[in-house]
Every structure is written in structure tokens, then in C-alpha cells.
Amino acid sequence: MAMILVKMSIQNIEFQKYSQSIIVIASMYAATAFLKHSKKHESSETNKFCSELRRLIFELLNSELAEQNVFTEQKDFITILKKSMSTA
């Protein structure tokens, strides 16, 4: 299910501005929701699996956000540097 969601979102031009890893993470989270609410796969092991996978997803999101913040800070530095060079 997650792979179908990834393929659909990558093909959609609206999602090209987002990080590909964020699209994959969001799709995996959606797949855990389908699995968790499935009557066919309902068990304590399924709940444990979904909880552990979601914990990993949130760790990946935190690291992705940290990398994005570093890039944004570097981008601002480059913009300030270019402005200062153009006025000099």
C-alpha cells in the first residue's frame, strides 16, 4: 500500500516541491494506519509493529527536519553573502 501511495505522489507535480523522503515517510505512516485498523490483521503483534514503525518514522522526520533547518540557515547565509558582495 505504501508503495502505491509513493508512486501516486511522486507522479503528481504538486508534490515535487517536497522532499522525496518525506513523501515516503508519509506513505509508510498511512500504510500503518491501514494495517492498524485492519480486521484481518488485528492482533497485539500488529499493534506493536505499527507502534515501533511509527516511532522510527518520527525519528526520521526529526532528522529530516534538522537537515532541512541546516540547509535553510546555509541558504540565508549565501543570500546575505551575495547581497554584501553586490554592494561592495
N, C-alpha and C. Protein backbone atom coordinates (compact mmCIF):
# COMPACT_ATOMS: atom_id res chain seq x y z
N MET A 1 0.82 -1.20 0.00
CA MET A 1 0.00 0.00 0.00
C MET A 1 0.86 1.26 0.00
N ALA A 2 1.92 1.24 0.80
CA ALA A 2 2.79 2.42 0.87
C ALA A 2 3.43 2.71 -0.48
N MET A 3 3.81 1.67 -1.19
CA MET A 3 4.47 1.89 -2.48
C MET A 3 3.52 2.51 -3.50
N ILE A 4 2.26 2.13 -3.45
CA ILE A 4 1.27 2.74 -4.35
C ILE A 4 1.12 4.22 -4.03
N LEU A 5 1.05 4.56 -2.74
CA LEU A 5 0.93 5.96 -2.34
C LEU A 5 2.17 6.77 -2.76
N VAL A 6 3.35 6.17 -2.63
CA VAL A 6 4.58 6.85 -3.04
C VAL A 6 4.55 7.12 -4.54
N LYS A 7 4.22 6.09 -5.32
CA LYS A 7 4.18 6.25 -6.77
C LYS A 7 3.19 7.33 -7.19
N MET A 8 2.01 7.32 -6.58
CA MET A 8 0.99 8.32 -6.92
C MET A 8 1.48 9.73 -6.57
N SER A 9 2.10 9.89 -5.42
CA SER A 9 2.50 11.23 -5.01
C SER A 9 3.70 11.74 -5.82
N ILE A 10 4.62 10.85 -6.18
CA ILE A 10 5.77 11.29 -6.96
C ILE A 10 5.33 11.68 -8.38
N GLN A 11 4.33 11.01 -8.91
CA GLN A 11 3.84 11.34 -10.25
C GLN A 11 3.06 12.65 -10.27
N ASN A 12 2.55 13.07 -9.12
CA ASN A 12 1.77 14.30 -9.04
C ASN A 12 2.72 15.49 -8.97
N ILE A 13 2.61 16.40 -9.89
CA ILE A 13 3.51 17.55 -9.99
C ILE A 13 3.45 18.45 -8.76
N GLU A 14 2.32 18.46 -8.05
CA GLU A 14 2.18 19.28 -6.86
C GLU A 14 3.13 18.86 -5.74
N PHE A 15 3.55 17.60 -5.74
CA PHE A 15 4.38 17.11 -4.67
C PHE A 15 5.87 17.22 -4.98
N GLN A 16 6.24 17.73 -6.12
CA GLN A 16 7.64 17.81 -6.49
C GLN A 16 8.41 18.81 -5.64
N LYS A 17 7.71 19.73 -4.98
CA LYS A 17 8.40 20.70 -4.15
C LYS A 17 8.78 20.13 -2.79
N TYR A 18 8.22 18.96 -2.45
CA TYR A 18 8.53 18.33 -1.17
C TYR A 18 9.67 17.33 -1.32
N SER A 19 10.34 17.08 -0.23
CA SER A 19 11.40 16.08 -0.21
C SER A 19 10.82 14.71 -0.51
N GLN A 20 11.52 13.94 -1.34
CA GLN A 20 11.05 12.60 -1.66
C GLN A 20 10.99 11.71 -0.43
N SER A 21 11.92 11.91 0.50
CA SER A 21 11.90 11.08 1.71
C SER A 21 10.67 11.39 2.57
N ILE A 22 10.23 12.63 2.59
CA ILE A 22 9.02 12.98 3.34
C ILE A 22 7.80 12.30 2.72
N ILE A 23 7.77 12.21 1.41
CA ILE A 23 6.66 11.53 0.74
C ILE A 23 6.64 10.05 1.13
N VAL A 24 7.80 9.43 1.13
CA VAL A 24 7.89 8.01 1.51
C VAL A 24 7.49 7.82 2.96
N ILE A 25 7.96 8.68 3.84
CA ILE A 25 7.63 8.58 5.26
C ILE A 25 6.12 8.74 5.48
N ALA A 26 5.52 9.72 4.82
CA ALA A 26 4.07 9.93 4.97
C ALA A 26 3.29 8.73 4.44
N SER A 27 3.75 8.15 3.36
CA SER A 27 3.07 6.99 2.80
C SER A 27 3.21 5.77 3.71
N MET A 28 4.37 5.60 4.32
CA MET A 28 4.55 4.50 5.27
C MET A 28 3.64 4.68 6.48
N TYR A 29 3.52 5.91 6.94
CA TYR A 29 2.63 6.18 8.08
C TYR A 29 1.18 5.85 7.70
N ALA A 30 0.78 6.24 6.51
CA ALA A 30 -0.59 5.93 6.06
C ALA A 30 -0.80 4.43 5.96
N ALA A 31 0.22 3.70 5.51
CA ALA A 31 0.11 2.25 5.42
C ALA A 31 -0.03 1.62 6.81
N THR A 32 0.65 2.19 7.81
CA THR A 32 0.49 1.65 9.17
C THR A 32 -0.93 1.89 9.68
N ALA A 33 -1.53 2.99 9.26
CA ALA A 33 -2.92 3.26 9.67
C ALA A 33 -3.86 2.23 9.07
N PHE A 34 -3.65 1.90 7.78
CA PHE A 34 -4.48 0.86 7.16
C PHE A 34 -4.30 -0.47 7.88
N LEU A 35 -3.06 -0.81 8.18
CA LEU A 35 -2.76 -2.07 8.84
C LEU A 35 -3.33 -2.12 10.25
N LYS A 36 -3.18 -1.03 10.96
CA LYS A 36 -3.63 -0.99 12.36
C LYS A 36 -5.15 -1.13 12.47
N HIS A 37 -5.89 -0.61 11.50
CA HIS A 37 -7.35 -0.66 11.53
C HIS A 37 -7.92 -1.84 10.75
N SER A 38 -7.03 -2.71 10.28
CA SER A 38 -7.47 -3.88 9.53
C SER A 38 -8.07 -4.92 10.48
N LYS A 39 -9.22 -5.44 10.12
CA LYS A 39 -9.85 -6.51 10.90
C LYS A 39 -9.13 -7.83 10.67
N LYS A 40 -8.60 -8.01 9.47
CA LYS A 40 -7.92 -9.26 9.10
C LYS A 40 -6.63 -9.47 9.88
N HIS A 41 -5.90 -8.38 10.13
CA HIS A 41 -4.59 -8.47 10.78
C HIS A 41 -4.61 -7.95 12.21
N GLU A 42 -5.77 -7.94 12.82
CA GLU A 42 -5.90 -7.39 14.17
C GLU A 42 -5.27 -8.33 15.20
N SER A 43 -4.22 -7.83 15.87
CA SER A 43 -3.58 -8.59 16.96
C SER A 43 -2.67 -7.64 17.74
N SER A 44 -2.20 -8.11 18.88
CA SER A 44 -1.29 -7.28 19.68
C SER A 44 0.05 -7.12 18.97
N GLU A 45 0.45 -8.15 18.20
CA GLU A 45 1.71 -8.06 17.45
C GLU A 45 1.63 -7.00 16.35
N THR A 46 0.49 -6.90 15.72
CA THR A 46 0.30 -5.86 14.70
C THR A 46 0.38 -4.48 15.34
N ASN A 47 -0.24 -4.30 16.48
CA ASN A 47 -0.18 -3.02 17.19
C ASN A 47 1.25 -2.68 17.59
N LYS A 48 1.99 -3.66 18.07
CA LYS A 48 3.40 -3.43 18.45
C LYS A 48 4.22 -3.04 17.22
N PHE A 49 3.99 -3.76 16.10
CA PHE A 49 4.72 -3.47 14.87
C PHE A 49 4.44 -2.05 14.40
N CYS A 50 3.16 -1.67 14.38
CA CYS A 50 2.78 -0.33 13.93
C CYS A 50 3.36 0.74 14.85
N SER A 51 3.32 0.50 16.15
CA SER A 51 3.86 1.47 17.11
C SER A 51 5.35 1.65 16.93
N GLU A 52 6.07 0.55 16.74
CA GLU A 52 7.52 0.63 16.54
C GLU A 52 7.85 1.31 15.22
N LEU A 53 7.12 0.98 14.18
CA LEU A 53 7.36 1.62 12.88
C LEU A 53 7.06 3.11 12.94
N ARG A 54 6.01 3.49 13.65
CA ARG A 54 5.70 4.92 13.79
C ARG A 54 6.75 5.65 14.61
N ARG A 55 7.32 4.99 15.61
CA ARG A 55 8.40 5.59 16.38
C ARG A 55 9.60 5.87 15.46
N LEU A 56 9.93 4.91 14.60
CA LEU A 56 11.02 5.10 13.65
C LEU A 56 10.69 6.21 12.65
N ILE A 57 9.44 6.27 12.23
CA ILE A 57 9.03 7.32 11.29
C ILE A 57 9.23 8.70 11.90
N PHE A 58 8.85 8.86 13.17
CA PHE A 58 9.02 10.16 13.82
C PHE A 58 10.50 10.50 14.03
N GLU A 59 11.33 9.50 14.27
CA GLU A 59 12.78 9.75 14.36
C GLU A 59 13.32 10.22 13.02
N LEU A 60 12.87 9.58 11.93
CA LEU A 60 13.29 10.01 10.60
C LEU A 60 12.81 11.43 10.28
N LEU A 61 11.58 11.74 10.68
CA LEU A 61 11.07 13.09 10.46
C LEU A 61 11.89 14.13 11.21
N ASN A 62 12.27 13.81 12.44
CA ASN A 62 13.09 14.75 13.22
C ASN A 62 14.43 14.98 12.56
N SER A 63 15.06 13.92 12.06
CA SER A 63 16.36 14.09 11.41
C SER A 63 16.22 14.84 10.09
N GLU A 64 15.13 14.57 9.35
CA GLU A 64 14.89 15.29 8.10
C GLU A 64 14.67 16.78 8.37
N LEU A 65 13.93 17.10 9.41
CA LEU A 65 13.68 18.49 9.77
C LEU A 65 14.98 19.18 10.18
N ALA A 66 15.81 18.49 10.93
CA ALA A 66 17.10 19.06 11.34
C ALA A 66 17.97 19.36 10.13
N GLU A 67 18.01 18.43 9.17
CA GLU A 67 18.79 18.66 7.95
C GLU A 67 18.22 19.82 7.14
N GLN A 68 16.90 19.91 7.11
CA GLN A 68 16.26 20.99 6.37
C GLN A 68 16.56 22.34 7.01
N ASN A 69 16.58 22.39 8.34
CA ASN A 69 16.88 23.64 9.04
C ASN A 69 18.32 24.07 8.77
N VAL A 70 19.25 23.12 8.74
CA VAL A 70 20.63 23.45 8.43
C VAL A 70 20.73 24.02 7.03
N PHE A 71 20.04 23.40 6.08
CA PHE A 71 20.06 23.89 4.71
C PHE A 71 19.48 25.28 4.60
N THR A 72 18.39 25.54 5.31
CA THR A 72 17.76 26.86 5.30
C THR A 72 18.70 27.91 5.87
N GLU A 73 19.40 27.57 6.95
CA GLU A 73 20.35 28.50 7.54
C GLU A 73 21.49 28.79 6.57
N GLN A 74 21.96 27.76 5.88
CA GLN A 74 23.05 27.95 4.91
C GLN A 74 22.56 28.79 3.74
N LYS A 75 21.33 28.57 3.30
CA LYS A 75 20.76 29.33 2.21
C LYS A 75 20.69 30.82 2.57
N ASP A 76 20.26 31.12 3.79
CA ASP A 76 20.21 32.51 4.25
C ASP A 76 21.59 33.13 4.27
N PHE A 77 22.59 32.35 4.70
CA PHE A 77 23.95 32.85 4.73
C PHE A 77 24.43 33.19 3.32
N ILE A 78 24.13 32.33 2.36
CA ILE A 78 24.55 32.58 0.98
C ILE A 78 23.86 33.83 0.44
N THR A 79 22.58 34.02 0.75
CA THR A 79 21.84 35.20 0.30
C THR A 79 22.47 36.47 0.88
N ILE A 80 22.78 36.46 2.16
CA ILE A 80 23.41 37.62 2.81
C ILE A 80 24.79 37.88 2.20
N LEU A 81 25.53 36.83 1.93
CA LEU A 81 26.86 36.96 1.34
C LEU A 81 26.76 37.59 -0.06
N LYS A 82 25.81 37.14 -0.85
CA LYS A 82 25.65 37.70 -2.20
C LYS A 82 25.26 39.17 -2.15
N LYS A 83 24.37 39.52 -1.21
CA LYS A 83 23.97 40.92 -1.05
C LYS A 83 25.15 41.79 -0.66
N SER A 84 25.96 41.29 0.28
CA SER A 84 27.10 42.09 0.72
C SER A 84 28.14 42.22 -0.38
N MET A 85 28.28 41.22 -1.22
CA MET A 85 29.24 41.28 -2.32
C MET A 85 28.76 42.22 -3.42
N SER A 86 27.44 42.29 -3.65
CA SER A 86 26.91 43.15 -4.70
C SER A 86 26.99 44.64 -4.29
N THR A 87 26.96 44.93 -2.99
CA THR A 87 27.05 46.31 -2.54
C THR A 87 28.49 46.78 -2.40
N ALA A 88 29.42 45.85 -2.39
CA ALA A 88 30.82 46.21 -2.20
C ALA A 88 31.47 46.71 -3.46
